[in-house]
């Protein structure tokens, strides 16, 4: 069999799919995150919301959705749960009542301290070298740049 024909035969093998490598890696990563986040009372989607909140302190729902690439149908239930648990506060803008502004509560600020060790723990659990992790992040950032 020629190399070209062999390539055509192997192109649709699962083991040769970048998408499956990314999918299975993400699945493993979520397994690593789950118990660490459970210890501080967050799910992964709530965690990424809180990461932005810890950076911004105050942000509109629209801007948060843009940063996280999440639509309001996905974001609203997350925000309601975070508000109910006392991590954030949702208020209407005084300038435009259609705009919902999110602010970090005292509890939300305190939660940041509990979460500080999570990135290092994930890195240690991942089993990859720091240089590999930085290279992987660069590649993934480049791959996803059209969506940022």
Protein backbone atom coordinates (compact mmCIF):
# COMPACT_ATOMS: atom_id res chain seq x y z
CA UNK A 1 0.00 0.00 0.00
CA UNK A 2 1.34 3.43 -0.90
CA UNK A 3 2.04 6.06 1.74
CA UNK A 4 -0.72 8.29 0.35
CA UNK A 5 -3.27 5.46 0.47
CA UNK A 6 -2.14 4.43 3.96
CA UNK A 7 -2.56 8.02 5.10
CA UNK A 8 -6.08 8.17 3.66
CA UNK A 9 -6.93 4.93 5.46
CA UNK A 10 -5.56 6.17 8.79
CA UNK A 11 -6.88 9.73 8.70
CA UNK A 12 -10.18 8.72 10.31
CA UNK A 13 -8.72 6.52 13.03
CA UNK A 14 -9.73 7.81 16.45
CA UNK A 15 -6.14 7.68 17.70
CA UNK A 16 -5.15 10.18 14.98
CA UNK A 17 -7.75 12.82 15.84
CA UNK A 18 -6.60 16.04 17.49
CA UNK A 19 -10.17 16.66 18.62
CA UNK A 20 -10.23 13.39 20.56
CA UNK A 21 -6.87 14.11 22.18
CA UNK A 22 -8.22 17.48 23.32
CA UNK A 23 -11.51 15.91 24.46
CA UNK A 24 -9.87 13.15 26.49
CA UNK A 25 -7.34 15.58 27.99
CA UNK A 26 -10.13 17.94 29.01
CA UNK A 27 -12.05 15.02 30.52
CA UNK A 28 -8.98 14.06 32.60
CA UNK A 29 -8.41 17.66 33.62
CA UNK A 30 -12.00 17.97 34.85
CA UNK A 31 -11.50 14.80 36.93
CA UNK A 32 -8.48 16.45 38.55
CA UNK A 33 -10.36 19.69 39.24
CA UNK A 34 -13.57 18.13 40.58
CA UNK A 35 -12.41 17.13 44.11
CA UNK A 36 -10.31 20.26 44.60
CA UNK A 37 -13.21 22.51 43.65
CA UNK A 38 -15.68 20.47 45.69
CA UNK A 39 -13.55 21.24 48.74
CA UNK A 40 -14.27 24.95 48.26
CA UNK A 41 -17.87 24.46 47.15
CA UNK A 42 -17.55 25.24 43.44
CA UNK A 43 -18.12 23.48 40.16
CA UNK A 44 -15.70 24.09 37.29
CA UNK A 45 -18.02 26.56 35.50
CA UNK A 46 -18.49 28.45 38.78
CA UNK A 47 -14.71 28.43 39.26
CA UNK A 48 -14.04 30.11 35.92
CA UNK A 49 -16.68 32.74 36.73
CA UNK A 50 -14.95 33.35 40.05
CA UNK A 51 -11.55 33.59 38.35
CA UNK A 52 -12.87 36.53 36.33
CA UNK A 53 -14.59 38.03 39.36
CA UNK A 54 -11.36 37.88 41.36
CA UNK A 55 -9.66 39.81 38.55
CA UNK A 56 -12.39 42.37 37.91
CA UNK A 57 -14.19 42.79 41.27
CA UNK A 58 -17.10 44.26 39.25
CA UNK A 59 -18.25 43.37 35.73
CA UNK A 60 -21.42 43.32 33.67
CA UNK A 61 -23.02 39.99 32.80
CA UNK A 62 -22.47 40.75 29.11
CA UNK A 63 -18.74 41.36 29.56
CA UNK A 64 -18.41 38.25 31.72
CA UNK A 65 -20.17 36.19 29.06
CA UNK A 66 -17.80 37.58 26.43
CA UNK A 67 -14.73 36.75 28.51
CA UNK A 68 -15.90 33.20 29.19
CA UNK A 69 -17.50 32.63 25.79
CA UNK A 70 -20.77 31.69 27.51
CA UNK A 71 -24.26 32.76 26.50
CA UNK A 72 -26.73 34.19 29.00
CA UNK A 73 -28.74 30.95 29.06
CA UNK A 74 -25.70 29.14 30.43
CA UNK A 75 -24.39 31.99 32.55
CA UNK A 76 -27.60 33.04 34.35
CA UNK A 77 -28.10 29.78 36.33
CA UNK A 78 -24.41 29.82 37.32
CA UNK A 79 -24.69 33.39 38.56
CA UNK A 80 -27.88 32.66 40.48
CA UNK A 81 -26.17 29.78 42.31
CA UNK A 82 -23.11 31.91 43.08
CA UNK A 83 -25.35 34.68 44.38
CA UNK A 84 -27.36 32.23 46.50
CA UNK A 85 -24.14 30.87 48.01
CA UNK A 86 -23.04 34.42 48.86
CA UNK A 87 -20.06 34.71 46.48
CA UNK A 88 -21.37 37.47 44.22
CA UNK A 89 -24.08 40.09 44.14
CA UNK A 90 -26.18 40.96 41.09
CA UNK A 91 -27.60 44.48 40.76
CA UNK A 92 -29.13 46.54 37.99
CA UNK A 93 -27.07 49.41 36.63
CA UNK A 94 -28.29 52.85 37.71
CA UNK A 95 -27.56 54.21 34.20
CA UNK A 96 -29.36 51.41 32.32
CA UNK A 97 -31.59 48.99 34.18
CA UNK A 98 -31.21 46.41 31.39
CA UNK A 99 -27.57 45.98 32.41
CA UNK A 100 -26.83 43.59 35.28
CA UNK A 101 -23.67 44.35 37.23
CA UNK A 102 -21.89 41.64 39.20
CA UNK A 103 -19.79 42.43 42.24
CA UNK A 104 -17.73 40.24 44.48
CA UNK A 105 -18.99 39.86 48.06
CA UNK A 106 -16.85 39.57 51.16
CA UNK A 107 -17.37 35.78 51.04
CA UNK A 108 -16.34 35.78 47.38
CA UNK A 109 -13.14 37.62 48.26
CA UNK A 110 -12.41 35.17 51.08
CA UNK A 111 -12.98 32.20 48.75
CA UNK A 112 -10.07 33.43 46.64
CA UNK A 113 -7.70 32.58 49.48
CA UNK A 114 -9.05 29.03 49.62
CA UNK A 115 -8.63 28.66 45.86
CA UNK A 116 -5.06 29.97 45.64
CA UNK A 117 -3.46 26.52 45.83
CA UNK A 118 -5.63 24.94 43.13
CA UNK A 119 -3.54 25.88 40.04
CA UNK A 120 -0.36 24.49 41.61
CA UNK A 121 -2.15 21.33 42.73
CA UNK A 122 -3.52 20.81 39.21
CA UNK A 123 -0.09 21.35 37.72
CA UNK A 124 1.45 18.79 40.10
CA UNK A 125 -1.33 16.27 39.42
CA UNK A 126 -1.00 16.71 35.66
CA UNK A 127 2.40 15.07 35.56
CA UNK A 128 3.75 17.32 32.83
CA UNK A 129 6.84 19.49 32.95
CA UNK A 130 6.48 23.26 33.34
CA UNK A 131 8.00 23.90 29.90
CA UNK A 132 5.52 21.45 28.34
CA UNK A 133 2.62 23.12 30.13
CA UNK A 134 3.66 26.57 28.91
CA UNK A 135 4.11 25.26 25.36
CA UNK A 136 0.71 23.57 25.47
CA UNK A 137 -0.94 26.77 26.73
CA UNK A 138 0.69 28.78 23.94
CA UNK A 139 -0.54 26.31 21.32
CA UNK A 140 -4.07 26.23 22.75
CA UNK A 141 -4.19 30.03 23.04
CA UNK A 142 -3.16 30.30 19.40
CA UNK A 143 -5.71 27.68 18.34
CA UNK A 144 -8.52 29.42 20.21
CA UNK A 145 -7.61 33.03 19.44
CA UNK A 146 -10.46 33.53 16.97
CA UNK A 147 -12.90 32.95 19.84
CA UNK A 148 -11.39 35.38 22.34
